[in-house]
Amino acid sequence: MQEYLELTELLAEIERHSTSLLFIKTANCGVCDVTYARTVELLKQFPQLKSMVVSMEKIPTISGEYLVFTAPAILLFMDGKEVFRQARFVSFDELERVLTSITC
């Protein structure tokens, strides 16, 4: 997963790819660390999906841009539009089902 430090770069990448997944985390968050590791492992099944990670401390405006006020948060985009979101409590079964349905 590629980490972004500038909101403009992140927005451009989301627009550039037909399907992309954004993982939003915070520092010193044990749940974020575990969820991030599981997400990275899951995404190995979907190499065609552009995956990105952002820290809320490094890009504080990400919170207002996507109305994300808790971490971890996973946002899935198709053609630049958000189509799926999970925050705080991530169901990996549901995430995998959605990823499978949009990438097949």
Protein backbone atom coordinates (compact mmCIF):
# COMPACT_ATOMS: atom_id res chain seq x y z
CA MET A 1 0.00 0.00 0.00
CA GLN A 2 1.37 3.38 -0.95
CA GLU A 3 1.32 6.13 1.68
CA TYR A 4 0.38 9.66 0.69
CA LEU A 5 1.40 12.89 2.40
CA GLU A 6 -0.44 15.41 0.20
CA LEU A 7 -4.20 15.54 -0.22
CA THR A 8 -3.93 16.74 -3.84
CA GLU A 9 -1.80 13.72 -4.80
CA LEU A 10 -4.24 11.37 -3.11
CA LEU A 11 -7.26 12.88 -4.85
CA ALA A 12 -5.49 12.66 -8.22
CA GLU A 13 -4.70 8.97 -7.66
CA ILE A 14 -8.31 8.19 -6.76
CA GLU A 15 -9.48 9.90 -9.96
CA ARG A 16 -6.79 8.21 -12.07
CA HIS A 17 -7.73 4.60 -11.18
CA SER A 18 -11.01 2.87 -11.93
CA THR A 19 -11.04 1.12 -8.54
CA SER A 20 -9.09 2.15 -5.47
CA LEU A 21 -9.09 1.52 -1.75
CA LEU A 22 -8.12 4.14 0.82
CA PHE A 23 -7.09 3.10 4.33
CA ILE A 24 -7.16 5.94 6.88
CA LYS A 25 -5.34 5.42 10.17
CA THR A 26 -4.00 7.31 13.16
CA ALA A 27 -0.73 7.06 15.05
CA ASN A 28 -0.51 4.94 18.19
CA CYS A 29 -3.68 3.04 17.29
CA GLY A 30 -3.44 -0.67 17.95
CA VAL A 31 -6.71 -1.39 16.15
CA CYS A 32 -5.42 0.55 13.13
CA ASP A 33 -2.21 -1.50 13.06
CA VAL A 34 -4.01 -4.84 13.21
CA THR A 35 -6.67 -3.80 10.71
CA TYR A 36 -4.02 -2.41 8.36
CA ALA A 37 -2.07 -5.69 8.43
CA ARG A 38 -5.22 -7.72 7.69
CA THR A 39 -6.19 -5.33 4.89
CA VAL A 40 -2.75 -5.61 3.26
CA GLU A 41 -3.02 -9.39 3.42
CA LEU A 42 -6.53 -9.35 1.92
CA LEU A 43 -5.49 -7.03 -0.90
CA LYS A 44 -2.94 -9.56 -2.14
CA GLN A 45 -5.96 -11.30 -3.71
CA PHE A 46 -6.80 -8.11 -5.64
CA PRO A 47 -3.61 -6.87 -7.36
CA GLN A 48 -5.61 -4.83 -9.88
CA LEU A 49 -6.92 -2.61 -7.07
CA LYS A 50 -4.98 0.59 -6.33
CA SER A 51 -4.43 0.69 -2.57
CA MET A 52 -3.48 3.79 -0.59
CA VAL A 53 -2.91 4.61 3.06
CA VAL A 54 -3.10 7.96 4.83
CA SER A 55 -2.39 8.99 8.40
CA MET A 56 -4.82 11.53 9.82
CA GLU A 57 -1.91 13.24 11.59
CA LYS A 58 0.02 13.71 8.35
CA ILE A 59 -2.99 14.93 6.33
CA PRO A 60 -5.42 16.41 8.86
CA THR A 61 -7.69 17.72 6.09
CA ILE A 62 -8.52 14.13 5.07
CA SER A 63 -11.05 14.07 7.90
CA GLY A 64 -13.07 16.92 6.41
CA GLU A 65 -12.60 15.79 2.81
CA TYR A 66 -14.20 12.38 3.43
CA LEU A 67 -16.04 13.03 6.71
CA VAL A 68 -13.96 10.46 8.56
CA PHE A 69 -13.77 11.19 12.27
CA THR A 70 -12.65 7.82 13.60
CA ALA A 71 -9.96 5.37 12.61
CA PRO A 72 -9.39 2.96 11.12
CA ALA A 73 -11.54 3.71 8.10
CA ILE A 74 -11.60 1.93 4.75
CA LEU A 75 -13.10 3.69 1.74
CA LEU A 76 -13.56 2.02 -1.63
CA PHE A 77 -13.86 4.10 -4.81
CA MET A 78 -15.01 3.29 -8.32
CA ASP A 79 -14.39 5.89 -11.01
CA GLY A 80 -13.61 8.47 -8.32
CA LYS A 81 -16.87 7.93 -6.40
CA GLU A 82 -17.08 6.36 -2.96
CA VAL A 83 -19.05 3.09 -3.16
CA PHE A 84 -18.23 1.40 0.16
CA ARG A 85 -17.10 2.48 3.62
CA GLN A 86 -16.29 0.84 6.92
CA ALA A 87 -14.96 2.61 9.98
CA ARG A 88 -13.84 1.57 13.43
CA PHE A 89 -15.25 -1.98 13.22
CA VAL A 90 -14.22 -3.63 9.95
CA SER A 91 -15.95 -6.78 8.74
CA PHE A 92 -13.35 -8.46 6.57
CA ASP A 93 -15.91 -10.96 5.27
CA GLU A 94 -18.06 -8.11 3.96
CA LEU A 95 -15.03 -6.23 2.63
CA GLU A 96 -13.84 -9.31 0.75
CA ARG A 97 -17.34 -9.91 -0.65
CA VAL A 98 -17.54 -6.31 -1.94
CA LEU A 99 -14.04 -6.42 -3.42
CA THR A 100 -14.81 -9.69 -5.17
CA SER A 101 -18.05 -8.36 -6.61
CA ILE A 102 -16.52 -5.18 -8.05
CA THR A 103 -13.32 -6.71 -9.41
CA CYS A 104 -14.86 -9.69 -11.22
